[in-house]
Protein backbone atom coordinates (compact mmCIF):
# COMPACT_ATOMS: atom_id res chain seq x y z
CA MET A 1 15.17 3.93 43.65
CA PRO A 2 18.43 1.94 43.70
CA THR A 3 20.10 1.15 40.40
CA PHE A 4 21.30 -2.24 39.27
CA PRO A 5 23.96 -3.64 41.60
CA PHE A 6 26.70 -4.18 38.97
CA SER A 7 28.57 -1.35 37.30
CA GLU A 8 32.07 -0.44 36.20
CA ALA A 9 32.44 1.37 39.52
CA ASP A 10 32.46 -2.00 41.29
CA PRO A 11 35.81 -3.35 42.48
CA ILE A 12 37.73 -5.44 39.96
CA ARG A 13 37.77 -8.93 41.45
CA TYR A 14 39.92 -10.48 38.73
CA PRO A 15 42.61 -7.87 37.94
CA GLY A 16 44.97 -10.08 35.94
CA PRO A 17 47.36 -9.50 34.32
CA PRO A 18 46.36 -11.81 31.48
CA PRO A 19 48.77 -14.58 30.51
CA LYS A 20 50.95 -14.43 27.43
CA ALA A 21 49.44 -17.67 26.12
CA SER A 22 46.41 -19.85 26.76
CA GLU A 23 45.04 -22.86 24.91
CA VAL A 24 41.55 -21.30 24.87
CA VAL A 25 40.48 -17.66 25.21
CA VAL A 26 36.84 -16.92 26.03
CA VAL A 27 35.56 -13.45 25.13
CA GLY A 28 32.76 -12.46 27.50
CA GLY A 29 32.06 -13.04 31.18
CA GLY A 30 28.37 -13.90 31.06
CA VAL A 31 26.80 -17.24 31.93
CA ILE A 32 27.82 -18.92 28.65
CA GLY A 33 31.44 -17.79 28.81
CA VAL A 34 31.75 -18.53 32.51
CA THR A 35 30.32 -22.05 32.32
CA THR A 36 32.36 -22.91 29.22
CA ALA A 37 35.51 -21.81 31.04
CA LEU A 38 34.42 -23.80 34.08
CA PHE A 39 33.96 -27.06 32.19
CA LEU A 40 37.22 -26.63 30.29
CA ALA A 41 39.12 -25.89 33.51
CA GLN A 42 37.62 -28.96 35.18
CA ARG A 43 39.16 -31.01 32.37
CA GLY A 44 42.58 -29.45 32.83
CA ILE A 45 42.42 -27.29 29.67
CA PRO A 46 44.28 -23.96 30.04
CA VAL A 47 41.53 -21.37 29.54
CA THR A 48 41.46 -17.61 29.97
CA LEU A 49 38.20 -15.67 30.21
CA LEU A 50 38.43 -11.99 29.31
CA GLU A 51 35.67 -9.58 30.32
CA LYS A 52 35.71 -5.95 29.18
CA GLY A 53 33.89 -4.83 32.32
CA ARG A 54 32.75 -7.00 35.21
CA VAL A 55 31.72 -10.66 35.25
CA ALA A 56 27.93 -11.02 34.86
CA ALA A 57 27.40 -7.26 34.79
CA GLU A 58 25.22 -7.29 31.68
CA GLN A 59 22.29 -9.52 30.67
CA SER A 60 23.46 -12.59 32.58
CA SER A 61 22.59 -10.87 35.84
CA ARG A 62 19.69 -8.74 34.60
CA ASN A 63 17.36 -11.51 33.45
CA TRP A 64 14.26 -12.84 35.20
CA GLY A 65 16.06 -15.69 36.96
CA TRP A 66 13.94 -18.49 35.49
CA VAL A 67 15.55 -21.92 35.06
CA ARG A 68 13.03 -23.62 32.84
CA LYS A 69 12.39 -26.44 30.45
CA GLN A 70 8.84 -25.29 29.80
CA GLY A 71 8.20 -23.53 26.52
CA ARG A 72 11.60 -24.28 25.05
CA ASP A 73 12.26 -24.66 21.36
CA GLU A 74 12.38 -28.30 20.24
CA GLY A 75 16.10 -28.01 19.55
CA GLU A 76 16.81 -26.31 22.88
CA LEU A 77 14.82 -28.64 25.08
CA PRO A 78 17.39 -31.47 25.42
CA VAL A 79 20.06 -28.90 26.33
CA ALA A 80 17.68 -27.25 28.81
CA ILE A 81 16.97 -30.61 30.45
CA GLU A 82 20.70 -31.17 30.86
CA ALA A 83 21.11 -27.61 32.13
CA GLY A 84 18.62 -28.28 34.92
CA ARG A 85 20.71 -31.21 36.12
CA LEU A 86 23.89 -29.17 35.86
CA TRP A 87 22.41 -26.25 37.81
CA ARG A 88 21.74 -28.57 40.74
CA GLN A 89 25.22 -30.06 40.52
CA LEU A 90 27.00 -26.71 40.18
CA ALA A 91 25.01 -25.09 42.97
CA GLU A 92 26.27 -27.82 45.27
CA GLU A 93 29.84 -27.48 44.00
CA CYS A 94 29.76 -23.69 44.46
CA GLY A 95 28.99 -24.11 48.14
CA GLU A 96 27.02 -20.84 48.05
CA ASP A 97 23.33 -20.06 48.25
CA ILE A 98 22.42 -18.88 44.75
CA GLY A 99 18.69 -19.04 45.38
CA LEU A 100 18.20 -22.19 43.30
CA VAL A 101 14.80 -23.61 44.25
CA GLU A 102 12.41 -25.96 42.46
CA THR A 103 9.17 -23.97 42.51
CA GLY A 104 7.82 -24.41 38.99
CA VAL A 105 7.11 -22.22 35.98
CA THR A 106 3.54 -21.50 34.87
CA TYR A 107 2.15 -19.89 31.72
CA LEU A 108 -1.34 -18.48 32.28
CA ALA A 109 -3.98 -18.55 29.52
CA GLU A 110 -6.81 -16.03 29.53
CA THR A 111 -8.76 -17.75 26.76
CA ASP A 112 -9.41 -21.25 25.50
CA LYS A 113 -7.54 -20.29 22.31
CA GLU A 114 -4.44 -19.39 24.34
CA LEU A 115 -4.76 -22.63 26.27
CA ALA A 116 -4.94 -24.61 23.04
CA GLY A 117 -1.74 -22.87 21.96
CA PHE A 118 0.12 -24.92 24.57
CA ASP A 119 -0.69 -28.19 22.76
CA ASP A 120 2.49 -28.23 20.68
CA PHE A 121 4.73 -28.00 23.71
CA MET A 122 2.63 -30.55 25.59
CA ARG A 123 3.37 -33.08 22.85
CA LEU A 124 7.07 -32.20 23.05
CA ALA A 125 7.01 -32.47 26.85
CA ALA A 126 5.42 -35.91 26.64
CA ALA A 127 8.11 -37.07 24.20
CA HIS A 128 10.78 -36.03 26.74
CA ASP A 129 8.90 -37.38 29.76
CA LEU A 130 8.59 -33.98 31.45
CA ASP A 131 6.21 -33.33 34.33
CA THR A 132 4.54 -30.51 32.37
CA ARG A 133 0.75 -30.54 32.56
CA LEU A 134 -2.26 -28.49 31.54
CA LEU A 135 -4.57 -27.03 34.17
CA ASP A 136 -8.17 -25.96 33.81
CA GLY A 137 -9.48 -22.75 35.33
CA SER A 138 -10.21 -24.11 38.78
CA GLU A 139 -6.85 -25.93 38.99
CA THR A 140 -5.08 -22.72 37.97
CA ALA A 141 -6.86 -20.78 40.71
CA LYS A 142 -5.76 -23.40 43.26
CA LEU A 143 -2.16 -23.33 42.05
CA ILE A 144 -1.92 -19.54 42.39
CA PRO A 145 -4.64 -18.56 44.86
CA GLY A 146 -5.86 -15.02 45.26
CA MET A 147 -5.61 -13.90 41.63
CA ALA A 148 -8.25 -11.28 40.88
CA ARG A 149 -8.68 -12.43 37.29
CA LYS A 150 -10.06 -15.75 36.14
CA PHE A 151 -8.01 -17.73 33.66
CA ALA A 152 -9.16 -20.37 31.23
CA GLY A 153 -6.24 -22.49 32.37
CA ALA A 154 -2.49 -22.75 32.43
CA MET A 155 0.52 -24.86 31.52
CA THR A 156 2.87 -25.63 34.38
CA THR A 157 6.11 -27.56 34.92
CA PRO A 158 6.60 -28.14 38.67
CA SER A 159 10.24 -29.28 38.30
CA ASP A 160 11.34 -25.98 36.77
CA MET A 161 13.39 -23.73 39.03
CA ARG A 162 14.35 -20.20 39.87
CA ALA A 163 17.65 -18.67 40.97
CA GLU A 164 19.15 -15.25 41.62
CA PRO A 165 21.23 -14.45 38.53
CA TRP A 166 23.31 -11.72 40.17
CA LEU A 167 24.39 -14.28 42.76
CA ALA A 168 24.56 -17.37 40.55
CA VAL A 169 26.83 -16.28 37.70
CA PRO A 170 29.48 -14.64 39.95
CA ALA A 171 29.41 -17.80 42.09
CA LEU A 172 30.04 -19.93 39.00
CA ALA A 173 32.93 -17.65 38.07
CA ARG A 174 34.49 -18.14 41.50
CA LEU A 175 34.10 -21.90 41.04
CA ALA A 176 35.74 -21.71 37.61
CA ALA A 177 38.66 -19.79 39.08
CA ARG A 178 39.08 -22.39 41.82
CA LYS A 179 39.13 -25.09 39.14
CA GLY A 180 41.98 -23.35 37.37
CA ALA A 181 40.40 -20.93 34.86
CA THR A 182 42.14 -17.57 34.51
CA ILE A 183 39.63 -14.71 34.63
CA VAL A 184 40.58 -11.12 33.86
CA GLU A 185 38.11 -8.25 34.22
CA ASN A 186 38.44 -4.76 32.74
CA CYS A 187 40.34 -6.29 29.82
CA ALA A 188 38.66 -5.83 26.45
CA VAL A 189 39.58 -8.02 23.50
CA ARG A 190 40.20 -5.67 20.62
CA THR A 191 40.80 -8.01 17.69
CA LEU A 192 41.55 -11.57 16.74
CA ASP A 193 45.03 -12.34 15.51
CA ILE A 194 44.79 -14.39 12.32
CA ALA A 195 47.68 -16.04 10.53
CA ALA A 196 47.52 -18.39 7.53
CA GLY A 197 43.73 -18.24 7.63
CA LYS A 198 43.35 -19.47 11.21
CA VAL A 199 43.15 -17.99 14.68
CA ARG A 200 46.51 -17.46 16.34
CA GLY A 201 45.36 -15.49 19.38
CA VAL A 202 43.80 -12.20 20.47
CA TRP A 203 44.95 -8.66 20.90
CA THR A 204 43.63 -7.10 24.09
CA GLU A 205 44.01 -3.66 25.59
CA ALA A 206 46.71 -5.29 27.76
CA GLY A 207 48.57 -6.87 24.85
CA PHE A 208 48.71 -10.10 22.87
CA ILE A 209 47.62 -13.54 24.08
CA GLU A 210 48.58 -16.50 21.98
CA ALA A 211 45.74 -19.03 21.67
CA SER A 212 44.74 -21.69 19.17
CA THR A 213 41.06 -21.42 20.07
CA VAL A 214 38.83 -18.40 20.75
CA LEU A 215 35.18 -18.47 21.84
CA VAL A 216 33.11 -15.34 21.31
CA ALA A 217 30.34 -15.34 23.92
CA ALA A 218 29.95 -11.60 24.20
CA GLY A 219 26.17 -11.30 24.26
CA ALA A 220 24.91 -8.06 22.76
CA TRP A 221 28.45 -7.16 21.64
CA SER A 222 29.15 -10.36 19.67
CA SER A 223 27.91 -9.16 16.28
CA LEU A 224 29.91 -5.94 16.44
CA PHE A 225 33.11 -7.81 17.32
CA LEU A 226 32.62 -10.56 14.72
CA ARG A 227 31.74 -8.20 11.87
CA LYS A 228 35.15 -6.61 12.30
CA HIS A 229 36.57 -10.02 11.26
CA GLY A 230 34.25 -10.65 8.33
CA VAL A 231 31.83 -12.90 10.25
CA SER A 232 28.25 -11.69 9.91
CA ILE A 233 25.51 -12.84 12.27
CA PRO A 234 22.05 -11.21 12.15
CA GLN A 235 21.96 -10.45 15.86
CA LEU A 236 20.07 -7.49 17.26
CA SER A 237 19.70 -6.21 20.81
CA VAL A 238 16.38 -5.40 22.44
CA ARG A 239 15.92 -3.60 25.74
CA SER A 240 13.91 -5.28 28.46
CA THR A 241 12.88 -3.54 31.69
CA VAL A 242 12.74 -5.42 34.98
CA ALA A 243 11.82 -4.40 38.53
CA ALA A 244 12.15 -5.81 42.02
CA THR A 245 9.55 -5.27 44.71
CA GLU A 246 10.25 -4.92 48.38
CA ALA A 247 9.54 -7.98 50.55
CA MET A 248 5.86 -8.94 50.31
CA PRO A 249 3.60 -11.77 51.46
CA GLU A 250 3.93 -14.88 49.30
CA VAL A 251 1.18 -15.35 46.74
CA HIS A 252 3.10 -17.97 44.74
CA PRO A 253 6.55 -19.49 45.34
CA GLY A 254 7.42 -19.93 41.68
CA ALA A 255 7.41 -18.04 38.38
CA ALA A 256 4.41 -17.25 36.21
CA ALA A 257 3.46 -15.07 33.27
CA ASP A 258 0.53 -13.95 31.18
CA ASP A 259 0.26 -11.31 28.45
CA HIS A 260 0.37 -8.48 31.00
CA ILE A 261 2.84 -9.43 33.71
CA ALA A 262 5.65 -11.87 34.45
CA PHE A 263 6.61 -12.46 38.06
CA ARG A 264 8.70 -14.74 40.22
CA ARG A 265 9.31 -15.04 43.92
CA ARG A 266 12.79 -14.05 45.03
CA ARG A 267 15.10 -15.34 47.73
CA ASP A 268 14.76 -12.08 49.71
CA GLY A 269 10.96 -12.28 49.89
CA GLY A 270 10.21 -9.86 47.09
CA TYR A 271 9.14 -10.43 43.50
CA THR A 272 10.95 -9.83 40.23
CA LEU A 273 8.50 -8.30 37.75
CA ALA A 274 8.50 -7.63 34.02
CA ALA A 275 5.80 -6.33 31.72
CA GLY A 276 4.21 -8.41 28.98
CA GLY A 277 5.30 -7.11 25.58
CA GLY A 278 8.08 -5.27 27.32
CA SER A 279 10.97 -5.13 24.84
CA GLN A 280 12.26 -2.24 22.76
CA LEU A 281 14.43 -2.43 19.65
CA TYR A 282 16.72 0.47 18.91
CA VAL A 283 16.89 0.82 15.15
CA GLY A 284 20.49 1.07 13.95
CA PRO A 285 22.75 -0.03 11.07
CA ASP A 286 22.54 -3.73 11.90
CA ALA A 287 18.76 -3.56 12.19
CA PHE A 288 18.58 -2.19 8.65
CA ARG A 289 21.19 -4.64 7.35
CA HIS A 290 19.34 -7.69 8.63
CA VAL A 291 15.71 -6.58 8.28
CA VAL A 292 14.84 -9.24 5.66
CA LYS A 293 15.97 -12.06 7.95
CA TYR A 294 13.90 -10.64 10.79
CA LEU A 295 10.64 -10.32 8.85
CA PRO A 296 9.12 -13.61 10.18
CA ALA A 297 9.93 -12.59 13.76
CA LEU A 298 8.67 -9.05 13.22
CA ARG A 299 5.37 -10.41 11.94
CA ALA A 300 5.03 -12.80 14.87
CA ASN A 301 6.37 -10.17 17.27
CA PRO A 302 7.72 -12.72 19.80
CA PHE A 303 9.20 -10.11 22.13
CA GLY A 304 6.30 -7.66 21.89
CA VAL A 305 8.89 -5.38 20.33
CA ARG A 306 8.42 -1.65 19.97
CA TYR A 307 10.84 0.50 18.01
CA SER A 308 13.02 3.48 18.83
CA PRO A 309 14.83 5.37 16.05
CA ALA A 310 18.25 5.51 17.69
CA ALA A 311 20.22 3.72 20.38
CA PRO A 312 22.01 5.77 23.02
CA SER A 313 25.56 6.70 22.16
CA GLY A 314 27.99 3.81 22.39
CA PHE A 315 25.41 1.00 22.31
CA PRO A 316 26.29 -2.02 20.09
CA ASP A 317 24.01 -0.93 17.23
CA GLY A 318 24.26 2.81 17.80
CA TRP A 319 24.53 4.98 14.71
CA THR A 320 27.74 6.58 15.94
CA THR A 321 29.32 3.41 17.38
CA PRO A 322 32.60 2.77 15.51
CA ARG A 323 32.60 -0.28 13.24
CA ASP A 324 36.32 -0.22 12.53
CA TRP A 325 39.37 -0.06 14.79
CA THR A 326 42.79 -1.61 15.15
CA ALA A 327 44.60 -3.59 17.81
CA GLU A 328 46.34 -0.37 18.81
CA THR A 329 43.27 1.87 19.14
CA GLN A 330 40.55 2.12 21.75
CA THR A 331 37.44 0.11 20.87
CA PRO A 332 33.72 0.48 21.63
CA PHE A 333 34.18 -2.28 24.22
CA GLU A 334 36.50 -0.11 26.28
CA ARG A 335 34.35 2.97 25.88
CA MET A 336 31.38 1.14 27.42
CA ARG A 337 32.63 -1.31 30.03
CA VAL A 338 29.12 -2.17 31.20
CA LEU A 339 26.06 -1.86 28.97
CA ASN A 340 23.59 -0.35 31.41
CA PRO A 341 20.42 0.86 29.64
CA ALA A 342 17.95 2.87 31.63
CA PRO A 343 14.66 1.14 32.50
CA GLU A 344 11.52 2.47 30.85
CA ARG A 345 9.43 4.47 33.28
CA SER A 346 6.20 3.49 31.54
CA LYS A 347 7.06 -0.19 32.01
CA LEU A 348 7.79 0.31 35.68
CA GLN A 349 4.40 1.95 36.10
CA ALA A 350 2.80 -0.93 34.19
CA VAL A 351 4.31 -3.68 36.35
CA GLU A 352 3.27 -1.89 39.54
CA LYS A 353 -0.25 -1.53 38.21
CA ASN A 354 -0.62 -5.01 36.69
CA PHE A 355 0.88 -6.97 39.58
CA GLY A 356 -1.21 -4.99 42.05
CA ALA A 357 -4.35 -5.57 39.98
CA LEU A 358 -3.68 -9.32 39.82
CA PHE A 359 -3.12 -9.56 43.58
CA PRO A 360 -5.09 -6.68 45.17
CA GLN A 361 -4.78 -8.28 48.61
CA LEU A 362 -1.11 -7.28 48.61
CA GLY A 363 -2.00 -3.61 48.76
CA LYS A 364 0.39 -1.03 47.36
CA VAL A 365 3.17 -2.60 45.25
CA ARG A 366 6.42 -0.81 46.02
CA LEU A 367 9.47 -1.23 43.81
CA GLU A 368 12.82 -1.09 45.55
CA ALA A 369 14.97 -1.54 42.44
CA SER A 370 14.68 -1.37 38.68
CA TRP A 371 17.00 -2.02 35.77
CA ALA A 372 17.11 -2.90 32.10
CA GLY A 373 19.19 -5.27 30.01
CA MET A 374 19.92 -5.77 26.33
CA ILE A 375 18.75 -9.16 25.08
CA ASP A 376 20.87 -10.53 22.23
CA ALA A 377 18.16 -11.71 19.84
CA MET A 378 18.29 -13.83 16.71
CA PRO A 379 15.77 -13.83 13.84
CA ASP A 380 14.43 -17.28 14.77
CA VAL A 381 14.72 -16.71 18.54
CA VAL A 382 17.27 -19.47 19.08
CA PRO A 383 21.03 -19.00 19.58
CA VAL A 384 24.07 -19.55 17.41
CA VAL A 385 26.36 -22.18 18.95
CA ASP A 386 28.89 -23.33 16.40
CA ARG A 387 32.43 -23.27 15.07
CA VAL A 388 33.17 -20.71 12.36
CA GLU A 389 34.25 -22.80 9.40
CA ALA A 390 35.81 -19.86 7.58
CA LEU A 391 38.17 -19.17 10.50
CA PRO A 392 39.53 -22.37 12.07
CA GLY A 393 39.92 -21.97 15.79
CA LEU A 394 37.00 -19.54 16.17
CA PHE A 395 33.79 -20.57 17.97
CA VAL A 396 30.61 -18.57 18.64
CA ALA A 397 27.97 -18.96 21.35
CA THR A 398 25.65 -15.99 21.29
CA GLY A 399 22.13 -14.80 20.46
CA MET A 400 20.57 -16.52 23.45
CA SER A 401 17.41 -14.48 22.75
CA GLY A 402 16.46 -14.07 26.40
CA HIS A 403 16.85 -17.80 27.14
CA GLY A 404 20.49 -17.87 28.18
CA PHE A 405 20.49 -17.86 31.97
CA GLY A 406 18.47 -21.02 32.52
CA ILE A 407 20.11 -22.98 29.71
CA GLY A 408 23.58 -21.54 30.31
CA PRO A 409 25.33 -24.51 31.96
CA GLY A 410 23.96 -26.83 29.27
CA PHE A 411 25.43 -24.79 26.45
CA GLY A 412 28.60 -24.21 28.45
CA ARG A 413 29.15 -27.96 28.60
CA VAL A 414 28.27 -28.34 24.92
CA VAL A 415 30.70 -25.63 23.83
CA ALA A 416 33.48 -27.10 25.97
CA ASP A 417 33.06 -30.37 24.08
CA LEU A 418 32.81 -28.62 20.70
CA ILE A 419 36.10 -26.89 21.41
CA GLN A 420 37.75 -30.19 22.34
CA GLY A 421 36.34 -31.94 19.29
CA ASN A 422 34.25 -34.33 21.39
CA ALA A 423 30.77 -35.60 20.65
CA VAL A 424 28.35 -33.15 22.28
CA GLY A 425 25.45 -35.55 22.81
CA HIS A 426 22.82 -33.27 21.22
CA ASP A 427 21.70 -32.45 17.69
CA MET A 428 23.27 -29.02 17.11
CA SER A 429 21.89 -28.39 13.62
CA ARG A 430 19.27 -26.00 15.00
CA PHE A 431 22.06 -23.70 16.23
CA ARG A 432 24.36 -23.76 13.22
CA LEU A 433 25.73 -20.45 11.97
CA SER A 434 25.16 -21.40 8.31
CA ARG A 435 21.37 -21.40 8.68
CA PHE A 436 21.42 -17.67 7.88
CA SER A 437 23.34 -18.11 4.63
CA ASP A 438 22.57 -21.59 3.24
CA GLY A 439 19.13 -20.70 1.91
CA SER A 440 17.21 -22.80 4.41
CA ALA A 441 13.93 -21.48 5.73
CA LEU A 442 14.08 -20.13 9.26
CA LYS A 443 11.82 -21.76 11.80
CA LEU A 444 10.65 -19.33 14.45
CA GLY A 445 11.11 -20.54 18.01
CA PRO A 446 9.04 -19.55 21.05
CA ALA A 447 9.70 -16.22 22.75
CA LEU A 448 9.32 -17.33 26.37
């Protein structure tokens, strides 16, 4: 079976060299870093994006490809609504087919109790004038015909979209470069340079870049990098397995999920599949360090998380992964250019079985590709998007908790304004870094 299409063996499309100075340096070439760089470049701000491996090679291309408002946390929803508008705008500006289609997102409920669990979001959807609605059993069967199981009902948002992440994020990077952003791949940031208590620039494997502002948007690697500089965020990484079927007859044009299977139609005529309860947490030093903060999430189990005693060598929270290095020494980021976890065989077997059981008329479900990604998760399942008060000039946008692709352009625009000191237009208190240290109670957000 083919492996995931991005790896460090791929050609370097942005070879550099990096500049000697840049007003803003962005650490990380995922959807958040790319869109932040794009919006800054559109405004004429000198910005350099540095990626240790390849743009979009990690979770930003390995996700399910859902662009949704449905099921969002109350704090996220306004940003997600804006992100939907921006996706349409940016897809047009890219001039490339990124598979962006308005086909809806649907959550299936097997029981009346599960259906009643949608009530909270329905009230939120009404307050924001969304087209989200509840369906009864017969309406659900009409929306997705041919399902072998009967459902008590569903919640659906027809205006939600899907896109192909491995096409979309690289296309946005090309747009950012055309707008004037400098992008350099295969260039790890080793350390911040700090003088008089504020950021002065970054040291990379290619040398020093002077910069007054640095954004860390490094996904699963953010916590490891920030801890080196005395900034602690309780971020963990969980492995999620995904598969792609060969081209199959269409049973539903959009995306849907229940407790057993999540699926969405793809641009090439196949389906992207993931198993319900399909995430795995590798237990490492950070997991132990932050266990108290994660207790509410562990009890609620929002990712269906199972536990493994040790991450593979070199992973962000691996037991043997170095926690200390200098600007002159090789870092964990150079040792692992692309975080490429192996998919779980049991999960691949489960998605084949469960998708086939839900749609028996399709016959044998054949997978033509499989992969896994590391989701950067936070204890309350919402991201950190904030300036670091203790280090002027440092900003963080990480911990997207599996929600980052769809909301990415929204947070990219927000962070661009944060960096410039502009009003962002949204209440950002939900995403503040201090919520993990100011004694406030954590409010658990939704997993999907």
